[in-house]
Amino acid sequence: MNANIERLKLIFIAVFLVAVIGVVVWQVGWAIPAAKCEKEQHKWWDYGQRVCAQPVLISDITGRVITDEKALAEARKALGRPAAPVAAPTAAAKN
């Protein structure tokens, strides 16, 4: 066989193996953990740092209360939190 053909064959095999190893590393390092994080744990996956993080409501950080019940229910649903029971108004709140 021609030496150039043999060399090209080895180059193509090497490129193919590097590509396969790259795909396997990406699957094991990023794709599979991201799927587990988002689907099973209902959290957010950060591809840059490879971290499964718990989403936080802005109202939890700022202390501002979401006054619209529908918006609060949607926000809690998006985070995977159960809907908080609505407290009955107290006597002090009625005055």
Protein backbone atom coordinates (compact mmCIF):
# COMPACT_ATOMS: atom_id res chain seq x y z
CA MET A 1 0.00 0.00 0.00
CA ASN A 2 1.16 3.54 -0.69
CA ALA A 3 2.83 5.24 2.31
CA ASN A 4 0.67 8.37 1.90
CA ILE A 5 -2.53 6.34 2.10
CA GLU A 6 -1.28 4.58 5.22
CA ARG A 7 -0.42 7.92 6.84
CA LEU A 8 -3.83 9.42 5.91
CA LYS A 9 -5.56 6.36 7.33
CA LEU A 10 -3.77 6.81 10.67
CA ILE A 11 -4.56 10.54 10.72
CA PHE A 12 -8.28 9.90 10.13
CA ILE A 13 -8.35 7.20 12.81
CA ALA A 14 -6.63 9.55 15.28
CA VAL A 15 -9.06 12.40 14.53
CA PHE A 16 -12.02 10.04 14.89
CA LEU A 17 -10.77 8.75 18.26
CA VAL A 18 -10.20 12.29 19.57
CA ALA A 19 -13.73 13.26 18.48
CA VAL A 20 -15.26 10.19 20.16
CA ILE A 21 -13.35 10.84 23.38
CA GLY A 22 -14.50 14.49 23.29
CA VAL A 23 -18.14 13.47 22.91
CA VAL A 24 -17.86 10.96 25.76
CA VAL A 25 -16.25 13.55 28.07
CA TRP A 26 -18.96 16.08 27.20
CA GLN A 27 -21.74 13.55 27.83
CA VAL A 28 -20.34 12.34 31.15
CA GLY A 29 -19.17 15.74 32.37
CA TRP A 30 -22.00 18.04 31.26
CA ALA A 31 -24.99 16.46 29.50
CA ILE A 32 -25.83 13.63 31.92
CA PRO A 33 -25.42 15.73 35.11
CA ALA A 34 -27.45 18.55 33.53
CA ALA A 35 -30.30 16.18 32.72
CA LYS A 36 -30.28 14.74 36.25
CA CYS A 37 -30.22 18.22 37.77
CA GLU A 38 -33.01 19.68 35.67
CA LYS A 39 -35.32 16.68 35.32
CA GLU A 40 -34.94 14.78 38.60
CA GLN A 41 -34.00 17.48 41.12
CA HIS A 42 -35.86 20.40 39.46
CA LYS A 43 -32.91 22.73 39.89
CA TRP A 44 -30.86 24.86 37.51
CA TRP A 45 -27.67 23.57 35.86
CA ASP A 46 -24.77 26.00 35.36
CA TYR A 47 -22.70 24.76 32.40
CA GLY A 48 -19.81 27.13 33.11
CA GLN A 49 -19.13 25.91 36.64
CA ARG A 50 -20.92 22.54 36.33
CA VAL A 51 -23.04 23.24 39.42
CA CYS A 52 -26.59 22.16 40.19
CA ALA A 53 -28.05 25.22 41.94
CA GLN A 54 -31.28 25.85 43.80
CA PRO A 55 -33.23 28.72 42.21
CA VAL A 56 -34.16 31.52 44.58
CA LEU A 57 -37.08 33.92 44.33
CA ILE A 58 -36.03 37.56 44.09
CA SER A 59 -38.54 38.30 46.84
CA ASP A 60 -36.57 35.95 49.14
CA ILE A 61 -33.44 38.05 48.61
CA THR A 62 -34.91 41.55 48.66
CA GLY A 63 -37.62 40.97 51.23
CA ARG A 64 -40.23 42.45 48.91
CA VAL A 65 -43.45 40.47 48.99
CA ILE A 66 -45.24 39.39 45.83
CA THR A 67 -48.74 40.75 46.46
CA ASP A 68 -50.50 39.23 43.46
CA GLU A 69 -51.61 35.73 44.44
CA LYS A 70 -51.52 34.45 40.86
CA ALA A 71 -47.97 35.76 40.34
CA LEU A 72 -46.85 34.24 43.65
CA ALA A 73 -48.35 30.86 42.73
CA GLU A 74 -46.64 30.95 39.31
CA ALA A 75 -43.30 31.89 40.88
CA ARG A 76 -43.52 29.08 43.41
CA LYS A 77 -44.56 26.62 40.70
CA ALA A 78 -41.58 27.63 38.56
CA LEU A 79 -39.23 26.91 41.47
CA GLY A 80 -40.90 23.64 42.38
CA ARG A 81 -42.08 24.89 45.77
CA PRO A 82 -45.51 23.97 47.06
CA ALA A 83 -48.06 26.73 47.25
CA ALA A 84 -47.99 28.39 50.66
CA PRO A 85 -51.28 28.34 52.53
CA VAL A 86 -52.99 31.72 52.69
CA ALA A 87 -53.17 32.92 56.29
CA ALA A 88 -56.46 34.29 57.61
CA PRO A 89 -56.35 38.01 58.39
CA THR A 90 -55.80 38.79 62.05
CA ALA A 91 -57.78 41.23 64.17
CA ALA A 92 -54.92 43.75 64.04
CA ALA A 93 -54.89 43.64 60.24
CA LYS A 94 -58.65 44.38 60.06
CA ASN A 95 -58.29 47.67 62.00
